[in-house]
PDB file of N, CA and C in Angstrom:
ATOM      1  N   MET A   1       1.158  37.326 -29.515  1.00  0.00           N
ATOM      2  CA  MET A   1       1.681  35.981 -29.393  1.00  0.00           C
ATOM      3  C   MET A   1       1.204  35.157 -30.580  1.00  0.00           C
ATOM      4  N   MET A   2       2.030  34.235 -31.007  1.00  0.00           N
ATOM      5  CA  MET A   2       1.722  33.403 -32.164  1.00  0.00           C
ATOM      6  C   MET A   2       0.789  32.265 -31.761  1.00  0.00           C
ATOM      7  N   ASP A   3      -0.277  32.095 -32.518  1.00  0.00           N
ATOM      8  CA  ASP A   3      -1.220  31.018 -32.260  1.00  0.00           C
ATOM      9  C   ASP A   3      -0.743  29.777 -33.003  1.00  0.00           C
ATOM     10  N   MET A   4      -0.311  28.748 -32.270  1.00  0.00           N
ATOM     11  CA  MET A   4       0.273  27.567 -32.886  1.00  0.00           C
ATOM     12  C   MET A   4      -0.628  26.356 -32.690  1.00  0.00           C
ATOM     13  N   ASP A   5      -0.830  25.623 -33.752  1.00  0.00           N
ATOM     14  CA  ASP A   5      -1.652  24.424 -33.714  1.00  0.00           C
ATOM     15  C   ASP A   5      -0.735  23.216 -33.538  1.00  0.00           C
ATOM     16  N   TYR A   6      -0.942  22.428 -32.498  1.00  0.00           N
ATOM     17  CA  TYR A   6      -0.063  21.293 -32.226  1.00  0.00           C
ATOM     18  C   TYR A   6      -0.107  20.252 -33.331  1.00  0.00           C
ATOM     19  N   ARG A   7      -1.240  20.127 -34.030  1.00  0.00           N
ATOM     20  CA  ARG A   7      -1.351  19.115 -35.091  1.00  0.00           C
ATOM     21  C   ARG A   7      -0.408  19.410 -36.237  1.00  0.00           C
ATOM     22  N   GLN A   8      -0.066  20.675 -36.391  1.00  0.00           N
ATOM     23  CA  GLN A   8       0.819  21.074 -37.475  1.00  0.00           C
ATOM     24  C   GLN A   8       2.223  20.505 -37.287  1.00  0.00           C
ATOM     25  N   TRP A   9       2.668  20.395 -36.062  1.00  0.00           N
ATOM     26  CA  TRP A   9       4.034  19.974 -35.789  1.00  0.00           C
ATOM     27  C   TRP A   9       4.128  18.564 -35.218  1.00  0.00           C
ATOM     28  N   PHE A  10       3.022  17.857 -35.106  1.00  0.00           N
ATOM     29  CA  PHE A  10       3.024  16.541 -34.483  1.00  0.00           C
ATOM     30  C   PHE A  10       3.878  15.536 -35.262  1.00  0.00           C
ATOM     31  N   GLY A  11       3.692  15.463 -36.570  1.00  0.00           N
ATOM     32  CA  GLY A  11       4.459  14.522 -37.382  1.00  0.00           C
ATOM     33  C   GLY A  11       5.933  14.843 -37.398  1.00  0.00           C
ATOM     34  N   MET A  12       6.269  16.121 -37.535  1.00  0.00           N
ATOM     35  CA  MET A  12       7.680  16.496 -37.587  1.00  0.00           C
ATOM     36  C   MET A  12       8.373  16.264 -36.246  1.00  0.00           C
ATOM     37  N   SER A  13       7.668  16.470 -35.146  1.00  0.00           N
ATOM     38  CA  SER A  13       8.288  16.215 -33.845  1.00  0.00           C
ATOM     39  C   SER A  13       8.536  14.722 -33.652  1.00  0.00           C
ATOM     40  N   GLY A  14       7.688  13.872 -34.196  1.00  0.00           N
ATOM     41  CA  GLY A  14       7.924  12.430 -34.142  1.00  0.00           C
ATOM     42  C   GLY A  14       9.153  12.027 -34.934  1.00  0.00           C
ATOM     43  N   VAL A  15       9.329  12.626 -36.101  1.00  0.00           N
ATOM     44  CA  VAL A  15      10.521  12.354 -36.919  1.00  0.00           C
ATOM     45  C   VAL A  15      11.775  12.823 -36.185  1.00  0.00           C
ATOM     46  N   MET A  16      11.722  13.998 -35.594  1.00  0.00           N
ATOM     47  CA  MET A  16      12.887  14.518 -34.868  1.00  0.00           C
ATOM     48  C   MET A  16      13.217  13.638 -33.657  1.00  0.00           C
ATOM     49  N   ALA A  17      12.212  13.166 -32.947  1.00  0.00           N
ATOM     50  CA  ALA A  17      12.455  12.278 -31.807  1.00  0.00           C
ATOM     51  C   ALA A  17      13.108  10.976 -32.279  1.00  0.00           C
ATOM     52  N   GLY A  18      12.656  10.460 -33.423  1.00  0.00           N
ATOM     53  CA  GLY A  18      13.275   9.263 -33.982  1.00  0.00           C
ATOM     54  C   GLY A  18      14.726   9.494 -34.353  1.00  0.00           C
ATOM     55  N   LEU A  19      15.030  10.648 -34.928  1.00  0.00           N
ATOM     56  CA  LEU A  19      16.419  10.955 -35.276  1.00  0.00           C
ATOM     57  C   LEU A  19      17.299  11.098 -34.039  1.00  0.00           C
ATOM     58  N   ILE A  20      16.749  11.642 -32.967  1.00  0.00           N
ATOM     59  CA  ILE A  20      17.515  11.752 -31.720  1.00  0.00           C
ATOM     60  C   ILE A  20      17.842  10.365 -31.178  1.00  0.00           C
ATOM     61  N   VAL A  21      16.869   9.449 -31.237  1.00  0.00           N
ATOM     62  CA  VAL A  21      17.111   8.074 -30.780  1.00  0.00           C
ATOM     63  C   VAL A  21      18.167   7.402 -31.653  1.00  0.00           C
ATOM     64  N   VAL A  22      18.131   7.653 -32.969  1.00  0.00           N
ATOM     65  CA  VAL A  22      19.133   7.083 -33.874  1.00  0.00           C
ATOM     66  C   VAL A  22      20.525   7.586 -33.506  1.00  0.00           C
ATOM     67  N   VAL A  23      20.673   8.881 -33.276  1.00  0.00           N
ATOM     68  CA  VAL A  23      21.985   9.447 -32.934  1.00  0.00           C
ATOM     69  C   VAL A  23      22.491   8.875 -31.614  1.00  0.00           C
ATOM     70  N   ILE A  24      21.619   8.743 -30.626  1.00  0.00           N
ATOM     71  CA  ILE A  24      22.029   8.180 -29.333  1.00  0.00           C
ATOM     72  C   ILE A  24      22.480   6.732 -29.505  1.00  0.00           C
ATOM     73  N   ASN A  25      21.751   5.947 -30.312  1.00  0.00           N
ATOM     74  CA  ASN A  25      22.132   4.545 -30.507  1.00  0.00           C
ATOM     75  C   ASN A  25      23.432   4.415 -31.300  1.00  0.00           C
ATOM     76  N   PHE A  26      23.647   5.278 -32.282  1.00  0.00           N
ATOM     77  CA  PHE A  26      24.928   5.259 -32.995  1.00  0.00           C
ATOM     78  C   PHE A  26      26.071   5.596 -32.041  1.00  0.00           C
ATOM     79  N   ALA A  27      25.852   6.558 -31.164  1.00  0.00           N
ATOM     80  CA  ALA A  27      26.889   6.952 -30.205  1.00  0.00           C
ATOM     81  C   ALA A  27      27.202   5.822 -29.224  1.00  0.00           C
ATOM     82  N   GLN A  28      26.208   5.009 -28.889  1.00  0.00           N
ATOM     83  CA  GLN A  28      26.425   3.902 -27.964  1.00  0.00           C
ATOM     84  C   GLN A  28      26.934   2.642 -28.651  1.00  0.00           C
ATOM     85  N   GLY A  29      27.016   2.665 -29.981  1.00  0.00           N
ATOM     86  CA  GLY A  29      27.575   1.536 -30.701  1.00  0.00           C
ATOM     87  C   GLY A  29      26.564   0.532 -31.199  1.00  0.00           C
ATOM     88  N   ASP A  30      25.300   0.754 -31.035  1.00  0.00           N
ATOM     89  CA  ASP A  30      24.259  -0.159 -31.513  1.00  0.00           C
ATOM     90  C   ASP A  30      23.893   0.213 -32.948  1.00  0.00           C
ATOM     91  N   VAL A  31      24.740  -0.214 -33.884  1.00  0.00           N
ATOM     92  CA  VAL A  31      24.626   0.218 -35.278  1.00  0.00           C
ATOM     93  C   VAL A  31      23.443  -0.448 -35.976  1.00  0.00           C
ATOM     94  N   VAL A  32      23.159  -1.698 -35.703  1.00  0.00           N
ATOM     95  CA  VAL A  32      22.090  -2.419 -36.393  1.00  0.00           C
ATOM     96  C   VAL A  32      20.729  -1.796 -36.074  1.00  0.00           C
ATOM     97  N   PHE A  33      20.443  -1.602 -34.789  1.00  0.00           N
ATOM     98  CA  PHE A  33      19.167  -1.005 -34.398  1.00  0.00           C
ATOM     99  C   PHE A  33      19.054   0.418 -34.936  1.00  0.00           C
ATOM    100  N   ALA A  34      20.139   1.179 -34.850  1.00  0.00           N
ATOM    101  CA  ALA A  34      20.115   2.557 -35.322  1.00  0.00           C
ATOM    102  C   ALA A  34      19.884   2.623 -36.827  1.00  0.00           C
ATOM    103  N   THR A  35      20.453   1.705 -37.584  1.00  0.00           N
ATOM    104  CA  THR A  35      20.258   1.683 -39.037  1.00  0.00           C
ATOM    105  C   THR A  35      18.815   1.327 -39.390  1.00  0.00           C
ATOM    106  N   ILE A  36      18.253   0.343 -38.707  1.00  0.00           N
ATOM    107  CA  ILE A  36      16.857  -0.030 -38.948  1.00  0.00           C
ATOM    108  C   ILE A  36      15.936   1.127 -38.587  1.00  0.00           C
ATOM    109  N   LEU A  37      16.178   1.751 -37.456  1.00  0.00           N
ATOM    110  CA  LEU A  37      15.355   2.874 -37.027  1.00  0.00           C
ATOM    111  C   LEU A  37      15.516   4.060 -37.988  1.00  0.00           C
ATOM    112  N   LEU A  38      16.719   4.301 -38.483  1.00  0.00           N
ATOM    113  CA  LEU A  38      16.940   5.376 -39.443  1.00  0.00           C
ATOM    114  C   LEU A  38      16.150   5.122 -40.723  1.00  0.00           C
ATOM    115  N   GLY A  39      16.110   3.873 -41.173  1.00  0.00           N
ATOM    116  CA  GLY A  39      15.301   3.529 -42.343  1.00  0.00           C
ATOM    117  C   GLY A  39      13.826   3.785 -42.100  1.00  0.00           C
ATOM    118  N   MET A  40      13.360   3.444 -40.903  1.00  0.00           N
ATOM    119  CA  MET A  40      11.952   3.692 -40.578  1.00  0.00           C
ATOM    120  C   MET A  40      11.648   5.186 -40.519  1.00  0.00           C
ATOM    121  N   VAL A  41      12.567   5.968 -39.974  1.00  0.00           N
ATOM    122  CA  VAL A  41      12.367   7.417 -39.892  1.00  0.00           C
ATOM    123  C   VAL A  41      12.336   8.021 -41.292  1.00  0.00           C
ATOM    124  N   ILE A  42      13.198   7.556 -42.183  1.00  0.00           N
ATOM    125  CA  ILE A  42      13.210   8.063 -43.560  1.00  0.00           C
ATOM    126  C   ILE A  42      11.892   7.743 -44.257  1.00  0.00           C
ATOM    127  N   VAL A  43      11.390   6.527 -44.079  1.00  0.00           N
ATOM    128  CA  VAL A  43      10.113   6.149 -44.685  1.00  0.00           C
ATOM    129  C   VAL A  43       8.977   6.996 -44.106  1.00  0.00           C
ATOM    130  N   LEU A  44       8.947   7.177 -42.797  1.00  0.00           N
ATOM    131  CA  LEU A  44       7.895   7.985 -42.179  1.00  0.00           C
ATOM    132  C   LEU A  44       7.980   9.446 -42.606  1.00  0.00           C
ATOM    133  N   PHE A  45       9.194   9.976 -42.725  1.00  0.00           N
ATOM    134  CA  PHE A  45       9.352  11.355 -43.190  1.00  0.00           C
ATOM    135  C   PHE A  45       8.890  11.488 -44.641  1.00  0.00           C
ATOM    136  N   GLY A  46       9.209  10.487 -45.463  1.00  0.00           N
ATOM    137  CA  GLY A  46       8.736  10.499 -46.849  1.00  0.00           C
ATOM    138  C   GLY A  46       7.217  10.467 -46.934  1.00  0.00           C
ATOM    139  N   LEU A  47       6.588   9.646 -46.105  1.00  0.00           N
ATOM    140  CA  LEU A  47       5.124   9.613 -46.065  1.00  0.00           C
ATOM    141  C   LEU A  47       4.540  10.938 -45.583  1.00  0.00           C
ATOM    142  N   LEU A  48       5.191  11.553 -44.597  1.00  0.00           N
ATOM    143  CA  LEU A  48       4.727  12.847 -44.093  1.00  0.00           C
ATOM    144  C   LEU A  48       4.813  13.914 -45.175  1.00  0.00           C
ATOM    145  N   VAL A  49       5.902  13.930 -45.916  1.00  0.00           N
ATOM    146  CA  VAL A  49       6.059  14.903 -47.002  1.00  0.00           C
ATOM    147  C   VAL A  49       5.031  14.631 -48.094  1.00  0.00           C
ATOM    148  N   TRP A  50       4.811  13.361 -48.426  1.00  0.00           N
ATOM    149  CA  TRP A  50       3.831  13.020 -49.461  1.00  0.00           C
ATOM    150  C   TRP A  50       2.425  13.417 -49.019  1.00  0.00           C
ATOM    151  N   TRP A  51       2.090  13.171 -47.764  1.00  0.00           N
ATOM    152  CA  TRP A  51       0.748  13.434 -47.253  1.00  0.00           C
ATOM    153  C   TRP A  51       0.441  14.928 -47.212  1.00  0.00           C
ATOM    154  N   THR A  52       1.460  15.767 -47.003  1.00  0.00           N
ATOM    155  CA  THR A  52       1.239  17.206 -46.859  1.00  0.00           C
ATOM    156  C   THR A  52       1.606  17.988 -48.119  1.00  0.00           C
ATOM    157  N   ARG A  53       1.752  17.328 -49.243  1.00  0.00           N
ATOM    158  CA  ARG A  53       2.130  18.031 -50.476  1.00  0.00           C
ATOM    159  C   ARG A  53       0.998  18.955 -50.928  1.00  0.00           C
ATOM    160  N   PRO A  54       1.343  20.050 -51.616  1.00  0.00           N
ATOM    161  CA  PRO A  54       0.322  21.028 -52.013  1.00  0.00           C
ATOM    162  C   PRO A  54      -0.709  20.483 -52.992  1.00  0.00           C
ATOM    163  N   GLU A  55      -0.357  19.544 -53.864  1.00  0.00           N
ATOM    164  CA  GLU A  55      -1.313  19.013 -54.832  1.00  0.00           C
ATOM    165  C   GLU A  55      -2.450  18.256 -54.170  1.00  0.00           C
ATOM    166  N   ARG A  56      -2.284  17.900 -52.915  1.00  0.00           N
ATOM    167  CA  ARG A  56      -3.301  17.144 -52.198  1.00  0.00           C
ATOM    168  C   ARG A  56      -4.485  18.034 -51.815  1.00  0.00           C
ATOM    169  N   GLY A  57      -4.374  19.333 -51.987  1.00  0.00           N
ATOM    170  CA  GLY A  57      -5.404  20.268 -51.570  1.00  0.00           C
ATOM    171  C   GLY A  57      -6.647  20.278 -52.428  1.00  0.00           C
ATOM    172  N   GLY A  58      -6.682  19.550 -53.512  1.00  0.00           N
ATOM    173  CA  GLY A  58      -7.868  19.510 -54.349  1.00  0.00           C
ATOM    174  C   GLY A  58      -7.582  20.032 -55.741  1.00  0.00           C
ATOM    175  N   PRO A  59      -8.608  20.095 -56.572  1.00  0.00           N
ATOM    176  CA  PRO A  59      -8.405  20.503 -57.958  1.00  0.00           C
ATOM    177  C   PRO A  59      -8.094  21.992 -58.066  1.00  0.00           C
ATOM    178  N   HIS A  60      -7.397  22.331 -59.126  1.00  0.00           N
ATOM    179  CA  HIS A  60      -7.020  23.714 -59.396  1.00  0.00           C
ATOM    180  C   HIS A  60      -8.148  24.413 -60.150  1.00  0.00           C
ATOM    181  N   VAL A  61      -8.451  25.627 -59.750  1.00  0.00           N
ATOM    182  CA  VAL A  61      -9.468  26.423 -60.444  1.00  0.00           C
ATOM    183  C   VAL A  61      -8.748  27.340 -61.427  1.00  0.00           C
ATOM    184  N   SER A  62      -9.151  27.285 -62.677  1.00  0.00           N
ATOM    185  CA  SER A  62      -8.485  28.109 -63.688  1.00  0.00           C
ATOM    186  C   SER A  62      -8.879  29.578 -63.541  1.00  0.00           C
ATOM    187  N   HIS A  63      -8.120  30.433 -64.197  1.00  0.00           N
ATOM    188  CA  HIS A  63      -8.373  31.870 -64.161  1.00  0.00           C
ATOM    189  C   HIS A  63      -9.756  32.188 -64.732  1.00  0.00           C
ATOM    190  N   ALA A  64     -10.082  31.553 -65.846  1.00  0.00           N
ATOM    191  CA  ALA A  64     -11.385  31.808 -66.479  1.00  0.00           C
ATOM    192  C   ALA A  64     -12.537  31.351 -65.584  1.00  0.00           C
ATOM    193  N   ALA A  65     -12.393  30.193 -64.934  1.00  0.00           N
ATOM    194  CA  ALA A  65     -13.447  29.695 -64.055  1.00  0.00           C
ATOM    195  C   ALA A  65     -13.618  30.589 -62.827  1.00  0.00           C
ATOM    196  N   ALA A  66     -12.511  31.124 -62.305  1.00  0.00           N
ATOM    197  CA  ALA A  66     -12.597  32.011 -61.150  1.00  0.00           C
ATOM    198  C   ALA A  66     -13.322  33.306 -61.512  1.00  0.00           C
ATOM    199  N   HIS A  67     -13.016  33.855 -62.694  1.00  0.00           N
ATOM    200  CA  HIS A  67     -13.702  35.080 -63.117  1.00  0.00           C
ATOM    201  C   HIS A  67     -15.172  34.822 -63.437  1.00  0.00           C
ATOM    202  N   ALA A  68     -15.473  33.655 -63.964  1.00  0.00           N
ATOM    203  CA  ALA A  68     -16.870  33.336 -64.274  1.00  0.00           C
ATOM    204  C   ALA A  68     -17.693  33.167 -62.995  1.00  0.00           C
ATOM    205  N   ALA A  69     -17.085  32.654 -61.936  1.00  0.00           N
ATOM    206  CA  ALA A  69     -17.803  32.422 -60.688  1.00  0.00           C
ATOM    207  C   ALA A  69     -17.888  33.671 -59.819  1.00  0.00           C
ATOM    208  N   ALA A  70     -17.033  34.648 -60.070  1.00  0.00           N
ATOM    209  CA  ALA A  70     -17.005  35.849 -59.236  1.00  0.00           C
ATOM    210  C   ALA A  70     -18.179  36.774 -59.549  1.00  0.00           C
ATOM    211  N   LYS A  71     -18.718  37.377 -58.510  1.00  0.00           N
ATOM    212  CA  LYS A  71     -19.796  38.346 -58.663  1.00  0.00           C
ATOM    213  C   LYS A  71     -19.189  39.744 -58.663  1.00  0.00           C
ATOM    214  N   ASP A  72     -19.993  40.747 -58.893  1.00  0.00           N
ATOM    215  CA  ASP A  72     -19.502  42.118 -58.848  1.00  0.00           C
ATOM    216  C   ASP A  72     -19.020  42.446 -57.446  1.00  0.00           C
ATOM    217  N   GLY A  73     -17.861  43.017 -57.362  1.00  0.00           N
ATOM    218  CA  GLY A  73     -17.305  43.398 -56.068  1.00  0.00           C
ATOM    219  C   GLY A  73     -16.513  42.300 -55.381  1.00  0.00           C
ATOM    220  N   ASP A  74     -16.502  41.083 -55.921  1.00  0.00           N
ATOM    221  CA  ASP A  74     -15.705  40.000 -55.333  1.00  0.00           C
ATOM    222  C   ASP A  74     -14.226  40.218 -55.635  1.00  0.00           C
ATOM    223  N   VAL A  75     -13.414  39.778 -54.733  1.00  0.00           N
ATOM    224  CA  VAL A  75     -11.965  39.870 -54.902  1.00  0.00           C
ATOM    225  C   VAL A  75     -11.434  38.462 -55.116  1.00  0.00           C
ATOM    226  N   ILE A  76     -10.654  38.274 -56.167  1.00  0.00           N
ATOM    227  CA  ILE A  76     -10.037  36.981 -56.454  1.00  0.00           C
ATOM    228  C   ILE A  76      -8.592  37.061 -55.984  1.00  0.00           C
ATOM    229  N   VAL A  77      -8.219  36.158 -55.095  1.00  0.00           N
ATOM    230  CA  VAL A  77      -6.867  36.139 -54.540  1.00  0.00           C
ATOM    231  C   VAL A  77      -6.143  34.935 -55.132  1.00  0.00           C
ATOM    232  N   TYR A  78      -4.983  35.205 -55.706  1.00  0.00           N
ATOM    233  CA  TYR A  78      -4.144  34.138 -56.248  1.00  0.00           C
ATOM    234  C   TYR A  78      -3.040  33.860 -55.241  1.00  0.00           C
ATOM    235  N   TRP A  79      -2.884  32.580 -54.913  1.00  0.00           N
ATOM    236  CA  TRP A  79      -1.885  32.195 -53.927  1.00  0.00           C
ATOM    237  C   TRP A  79      -1.048  31.072 -54.493  1.00  0.00           C
ATOM    238  N   ARG A  80       0.261  31.215 -54.383  1.00  0.00           N
ATOM    239  CA  ARG A  80       1.179  30.174 -54.818  1.00  0.00           C
ATOM    240  C   ARG A  80       2.092  29.834 -53.638  1.00  0.00           C
ATOM    241  N   PRO A  81       2.074  28.575 -53.191  1.00  0.00           N
ATOM    242  CA  PRO A  81       2.913  28.232 -52.026  1.00  0.00           C
ATOM    243  C   PRO A  81       4.381  28.380 -52.339  1.00  0.00           C
ATOM    244  N   GLY A  82       5.142  28.716 -51.324  1.00  0.00           N
ATOM    245  CA  GLY A  82       6.584  28.851 -51.491  1.00  0.00           C
ATOM    246  C   GLY A  82       6.926  30.237 -51.592  1.00  0.00           C
TER     247      GLY A  82
END
């Protein structure tokens, strides 16, 4: 079974709930509220994407620095997101 952390999906589930409310309000004809809420959802989604960007993980360690810090028998793992 997959071990899932709720914190990982908390922000995205909030954005999805906001989009569902926007669609329901558009369907009921409340265009002004739905447009304002859609703008808020877009801003919150943008903040969520900015907050979770890969560059936020800290400074990059160069190849030379990784080899200099490694001891005999250490394994250096290179990881690139995406």
